[in-house]
Amino acid sequence: MHIHDHPVFGERLREPVTFFFEGKPYQAYKGESIASALMANGIKKLGLSRKLVQPRGLFCSRGRCCSCYMTVNGEDHVRTCMKEVEDGMEIFTNSEDPDVRG
């Protein structure tokens, strides 16, 4: 859900873009973070915790935690709260830990 006409800030939405999450198309606005674009489209589960295997969602929204890590355009463990959504971007949840020994 986006706020289209804010009582204080007015009209703040920019041009629309289409991104793909788990292969399905969604709409966002240029300048939004990936995490906020997902939240605006009703997607709150960003992955699973490593130890307890429980749903992970947006936590700090400023790049300090690891709750919003996802695979973006083939790059694993991208902090989606810190990266802007782009037209045609492909986003997937991380299914496993990165291969750091590769």
N, C-alpha and C. Protein backbone atom coordinates (compact mmCIF):
# COMPACT_ATOMS: atom_id res chain seq x y z
N MET A 1 0.83 -1.16 0.00
CA MET A 1 0.00 0.00 0.00
C MET A 1 0.89 1.25 0.00
N HIS A 2 0.67 2.12 -0.93
CA HIS A 2 1.40 3.38 -1.01
C HIS A 2 0.50 4.53 -0.59
N ILE A 3 1.10 5.53 0.00
CA ILE A 3 0.37 6.75 0.32
C ILE A 3 0.49 7.66 -0.90
N HIS A 4 -0.62 7.88 -1.57
CA HIS A 4 -0.58 8.66 -2.81
C HIS A 4 -0.64 10.16 -2.58
N ASP A 5 -1.34 10.61 -1.56
CA ASP A 5 -1.44 12.04 -1.29
C ASP A 5 -1.30 12.26 0.20
N HIS A 6 -0.08 12.50 0.64
CA HIS A 6 0.22 12.68 2.05
C HIS A 6 -0.24 14.07 2.50
N PRO A 7 -0.85 14.19 3.68
CA PRO A 7 -1.37 15.49 4.11
C PRO A 7 -0.29 16.54 4.35
N VAL A 8 0.94 16.12 4.64
CA VAL A 8 2.03 17.08 4.87
C VAL A 8 2.97 17.16 3.67
N PHE A 9 3.40 16.00 3.15
CA PHE A 9 4.38 15.97 2.07
C PHE A 9 3.78 16.11 0.69
N GLY A 10 2.48 15.91 0.55
CA GLY A 10 1.83 16.02 -0.75
C GLY A 10 2.11 14.81 -1.63
N GLU A 11 2.17 15.03 -2.92
CA GLU A 11 2.42 13.96 -3.90
C GLU A 11 3.92 13.68 -3.97
N ARG A 12 4.33 12.50 -3.50
CA ARG A 12 5.76 12.17 -3.44
C ARG A 12 6.15 10.99 -4.32
N LEU A 13 5.19 10.32 -4.92
CA LEU A 13 5.50 9.12 -5.71
C LEU A 13 6.12 9.53 -7.03
N ARG A 14 7.08 8.75 -7.47
CA ARG A 14 7.78 9.01 -8.72
C ARG A 14 7.25 8.08 -9.80
N GLU A 15 8.02 7.92 -10.85
CA GLU A 15 7.55 7.08 -11.95
C GLU A 15 7.51 5.61 -11.54
N PRO A 16 6.50 4.88 -12.00
CA PRO A 16 6.36 3.47 -11.62
C PRO A 16 7.37 2.57 -12.34
N VAL A 17 7.77 1.51 -11.66
CA VAL A 17 8.64 0.49 -12.23
C VAL A 17 8.03 -0.87 -11.93
N THR A 18 8.41 -1.86 -12.71
CA THR A 18 7.97 -3.24 -12.48
C THR A 18 9.17 -4.06 -12.06
N PHE A 19 9.05 -4.79 -10.96
CA PHE A 19 10.10 -5.70 -10.53
C PHE A 19 9.47 -7.08 -10.35
N PHE A 20 10.31 -8.09 -10.25
CA PHE A 20 9.84 -9.46 -10.14
C PHE A 20 10.34 -10.07 -8.83
N PHE A 21 9.39 -10.58 -8.03
CA PHE A 21 9.73 -11.27 -6.79
C PHE A 21 9.27 -12.72 -6.92
N GLU A 22 10.23 -13.62 -6.82
CA GLU A 22 9.96 -15.05 -6.99
C GLU A 22 9.25 -15.32 -8.31
N GLY A 23 9.59 -14.55 -9.35
CA GLY A 23 9.06 -14.75 -10.69
C GLY A 23 7.75 -14.04 -10.99
N LYS A 24 7.14 -13.40 -9.99
CA LYS A 24 5.87 -12.70 -10.21
C LYS A 24 6.10 -11.20 -10.29
N PRO A 25 5.40 -10.51 -11.21
CA PRO A 25 5.60 -9.07 -11.36
C PRO A 25 4.86 -8.26 -10.29
N TYR A 26 5.52 -7.20 -9.84
CA TYR A 26 4.94 -6.27 -8.87
C TYR A 26 5.29 -4.85 -9.30
N GLN A 27 4.50 -3.89 -8.80
CA GLN A 27 4.73 -2.48 -9.10
C GLN A 27 5.40 -1.79 -7.91
N ALA A 28 6.27 -0.84 -8.23
CA ALA A 28 6.93 -0.01 -7.21
C ALA A 28 7.15 1.36 -7.83
N TYR A 29 7.82 2.23 -7.09
CA TYR A 29 8.14 3.56 -7.59
C TYR A 29 9.63 3.79 -7.49
N LYS A 30 10.17 4.44 -8.49
CA LYS A 30 11.59 4.76 -8.53
C LYS A 30 11.97 5.50 -7.25
N GLY A 31 13.10 5.14 -6.67
CA GLY A 31 13.56 5.77 -5.45
C GLY A 31 13.23 4.99 -4.19
N GLU A 32 12.32 4.03 -4.28
CA GLU A 32 11.99 3.20 -3.12
C GLU A 32 13.06 2.14 -2.91
N SER A 33 13.26 1.74 -1.66
CA SER A 33 14.14 0.60 -1.42
C SER A 33 13.39 -0.67 -1.82
N ILE A 34 14.14 -1.72 -2.08
CA ILE A 34 13.52 -3.00 -2.43
C ILE A 34 12.63 -3.46 -1.29
N ALA A 35 13.12 -3.35 -0.06
CA ALA A 35 12.35 -3.81 1.11
C ALA A 35 11.03 -3.05 1.23
N SER A 36 11.05 -1.73 1.03
CA SER A 36 9.81 -0.97 1.16
C SER A 36 8.86 -1.29 0.00
N ALA A 37 9.39 -1.56 -1.18
CA ALA A 37 8.55 -1.94 -2.32
C ALA A 37 7.88 -3.29 -2.06
N LEU A 38 8.60 -4.21 -1.45
CA LEU A 38 8.01 -5.51 -1.10
C LEU A 38 6.92 -5.32 -0.05
N MET A 39 7.20 -4.53 0.98
CA MET A 39 6.21 -4.28 2.02
C MET A 39 4.96 -3.61 1.45
N ALA A 40 5.13 -2.66 0.54
CA ALA A 40 4.00 -1.96 -0.07
C ALA A 40 3.14 -2.91 -0.90
N ASN A 41 3.73 -4.01 -1.36
CA ASN A 41 2.98 -5.01 -2.12
C ASN A 41 2.50 -6.17 -1.25
N GLY A 42 2.56 -6.00 0.06
CA GLY A 42 2.03 -7.01 0.98
C GLY A 42 2.96 -8.16 1.28
N ILE A 43 4.22 -8.07 0.85
CA ILE A 43 5.18 -9.15 1.10
C ILE A 43 5.96 -8.80 2.35
N LYS A 44 5.73 -9.55 3.41
CA LYS A 44 6.37 -9.27 4.69
C LYS A 44 7.41 -10.31 5.06
N LYS A 45 7.33 -11.49 4.47
CA LYS A 45 8.29 -12.55 4.75
C LYS A 45 9.43 -12.45 3.75
N LEU A 46 10.62 -12.09 4.24
CA LEU A 46 11.77 -11.90 3.36
C LEU A 46 12.70 -13.10 3.33
N GLY A 47 12.48 -14.05 4.20
CA GLY A 47 13.32 -15.24 4.24
C GLY A 47 13.06 -16.02 5.51
N LEU A 48 13.99 -16.92 5.84
CA LEU A 48 13.89 -17.75 7.05
C LEU A 48 15.14 -17.57 7.89
N SER A 49 14.97 -17.58 9.21
CA SER A 49 16.12 -17.48 10.10
C SER A 49 16.94 -18.76 10.01
N ARG A 50 18.23 -18.63 10.19
CA ARG A 50 19.13 -19.78 10.04
C ARG A 50 18.95 -20.80 11.14
N LYS A 51 18.90 -20.35 12.38
CA LYS A 51 18.88 -21.28 13.50
C LYS A 51 17.51 -21.90 13.75
N LEU A 52 16.49 -21.08 13.86
CA LEU A 52 15.16 -21.57 14.21
C LEU A 52 14.26 -21.83 13.01
N VAL A 53 14.72 -21.47 11.82
CA VAL A 53 13.98 -21.64 10.58
C VAL A 53 12.57 -21.04 10.71
N GLN A 54 12.54 -19.79 11.16
CA GLN A 54 11.28 -19.06 11.29
C GLN A 54 11.29 -17.89 10.31
N PRO A 55 10.11 -17.40 9.93
CA PRO A 55 10.04 -16.29 8.97
C PRO A 55 10.81 -15.05 9.46
N ARG A 56 11.51 -14.43 8.52
CA ARG A 56 12.27 -13.22 8.78
C ARG A 56 11.59 -12.07 8.05
N GLY A 57 11.52 -10.91 8.66
CA GLY A 57 10.94 -9.74 8.02
C GLY A 57 11.87 -8.55 8.16
N LEU A 58 11.39 -7.40 7.78
CA LEU A 58 12.18 -6.17 7.89
C LEU A 58 12.35 -5.83 9.36
N PHE A 59 13.57 -5.54 9.79
CA PHE A 59 13.83 -5.28 11.20
C PHE A 59 14.33 -3.86 11.43
N CYS A 60 15.54 -3.54 11.01
CA CYS A 60 16.10 -2.24 11.34
C CYS A 60 15.88 -1.18 10.25
N SER A 61 15.76 -1.59 9.02
CA SER A 61 15.55 -0.68 7.87
C SER A 61 16.70 0.29 7.62
N ARG A 62 17.89 -0.03 8.11
CA ARG A 62 19.02 0.87 7.87
C ARG A 62 20.35 0.15 7.65
N GLY A 63 20.28 -1.13 7.31
CA GLY A 63 21.48 -1.86 6.93
C GLY A 63 22.33 -2.40 8.05
N ARG A 64 21.83 -2.42 9.27
CA ARG A 64 22.62 -2.88 10.42
C ARG A 64 22.42 -4.37 10.74
N CYS A 65 21.25 -4.90 10.42
CA CYS A 65 20.99 -6.31 10.74
C CYS A 65 21.08 -7.13 9.44
N CYS A 66 20.72 -8.38 9.50
CA CYS A 66 20.77 -9.22 8.31
C CYS A 66 19.40 -9.78 7.96
N SER A 67 18.34 -9.16 8.46
CA SER A 67 16.99 -9.69 8.25
C SER A 67 16.49 -9.51 6.83
N CYS A 68 17.00 -8.54 6.09
CA CYS A 68 16.44 -8.26 4.76
C CYS A 68 17.32 -8.77 3.62
N TYR A 69 18.33 -9.59 3.92
CA TYR A 69 19.18 -10.12 2.86
C TYR A 69 18.37 -10.96 1.88
N MET A 70 18.55 -10.68 0.58
CA MET A 70 17.87 -11.44 -0.47
C MET A 70 18.81 -11.54 -1.67
N THR A 71 18.44 -12.36 -2.64
CA THR A 71 19.18 -12.46 -3.89
C THR A 71 18.56 -11.50 -4.89
N VAL A 72 19.38 -10.58 -5.39
CA VAL A 72 18.91 -9.54 -6.31
C VAL A 72 19.72 -9.62 -7.60
N ASN A 73 19.03 -9.87 -8.70
CA ASN A 73 19.68 -10.00 -10.02
C ASN A 73 20.86 -10.97 -9.97
N GLY A 74 20.70 -12.07 -9.25
CA GLY A 74 21.72 -13.11 -9.19
C GLY A 74 22.78 -12.89 -8.13
N GLU A 75 22.78 -11.75 -7.46
CA GLU A 75 23.76 -11.47 -6.41
C GLU A 75 23.17 -11.84 -5.05
N ASP A 76 23.83 -12.77 -4.35
CA ASP A 76 23.34 -13.24 -3.05
C ASP A 76 23.59 -12.23 -1.95
N HIS A 77 22.74 -12.26 -0.94
CA HIS A 77 22.88 -11.51 0.31
C HIS A 77 23.00 -9.99 0.09
N VAL A 78 22.06 -9.45 -0.63
CA VAL A 78 21.96 -8.00 -0.83
C VAL A 78 21.05 -7.44 0.26
N ARG A 79 21.48 -6.36 0.91
CA ARG A 79 20.65 -5.71 1.92
C ARG A 79 19.56 -4.92 1.20
N THR A 80 18.35 -5.46 1.17
CA THR A 80 17.29 -4.85 0.38
C THR A 80 16.76 -3.56 0.97
N CYS A 81 17.06 -3.28 2.23
CA CYS A 81 16.64 -2.01 2.82
C CYS A 81 17.54 -0.87 2.34
N MET A 82 18.70 -1.20 1.78
CA MET A 82 19.67 -0.19 1.36
C MET A 82 19.80 -0.05 -0.16
N LYS A 83 19.13 -0.90 -0.92
CA LYS A 83 19.24 -0.86 -2.38
C LYS A 83 17.92 -0.43 -3.00
N GLU A 84 18.00 0.51 -3.96
CA GLU A 84 16.79 0.99 -4.62
C GLU A 84 16.28 -0.01 -5.64
N VAL A 85 14.97 -0.11 -5.73
CA VAL A 85 14.34 -0.99 -6.70
C VAL A 85 14.51 -0.39 -8.10
N GLU A 86 14.72 -1.25 -9.08
CA GLU A 86 14.90 -0.82 -10.47
C GLU A 86 13.95 -1.58 -11.37
N ASP A 87 13.65 -1.01 -12.51
CA ASP A 87 12.76 -1.64 -13.46
C ASP A 87 13.37 -2.95 -13.96
N GLY A 88 12.59 -4.03 -13.92
CA GLY A 88 13.03 -5.33 -14.40
C GLY A 88 13.85 -6.13 -13.41
N MET A 89 14.07 -5.61 -12.22
CA MET A 89 14.88 -6.28 -11.20
C MET A 89 14.24 -7.60 -10.80
N GLU A 90 15.08 -8.64 -10.62
CA GLU A 90 14.60 -9.95 -10.19
C GLU A 90 15.10 -10.23 -8.78
N ILE A 91 14.15 -10.51 -7.89
CA ILE A 91 14.45 -10.66 -6.47
C ILE A 91 13.94 -12.02 -6.00
N PHE A 92 14.78 -12.72 -5.24
CA PHE A 92 14.43 -14.03 -4.68
C PHE A 92 14.88 -14.07 -3.22
N THR A 93 14.18 -14.85 -2.40
CA THR A 93 14.64 -15.06 -1.04
C THR A 93 15.91 -15.90 -1.08
N ASN A 94 16.80 -15.71 -0.09
CA ASN A 94 18.00 -16.53 -0.01
C ASN A 94 17.62 -17.88 0.56
N SER A 95 17.96 -18.93 -0.14
CA SER A 95 17.57 -20.27 0.30
C SER A 95 18.66 -20.95 1.13
N GLU A 96 19.88 -20.40 1.13
CA GLU A 96 20.96 -21.02 1.89
C GLU A 96 22.03 -20.00 2.19
N ASP A 97 22.99 -20.39 2.99
CA ASP A 97 24.10 -19.51 3.32
C ASP A 97 25.02 -19.35 2.11
N PRO A 98 25.74 -18.23 2.02
CA PRO A 98 26.64 -18.04 0.88
C PRO A 98 27.83 -18.99 0.93
N ASP A 99 28.37 -19.31 -0.23
CA ASP A 99 29.55 -20.16 -0.31
C ASP A 99 30.77 -19.24 -0.18
N VAL A 100 31.31 -19.13 1.03
CA VAL A 100 32.43 -18.22 1.26
C VAL A 100 33.77 -18.87 0.98
N ARG A 101 33.77 -20.17 0.73
CA ARG A 101 35.03 -20.87 0.48
C ARG A 101 35.30 -21.05 -1.02
N GLY A 102 34.31 -20.70 -1.87
CA GLY A 102 34.35 -20.86 -3.31
C GLY A 102 35.57 -20.50 -3.97
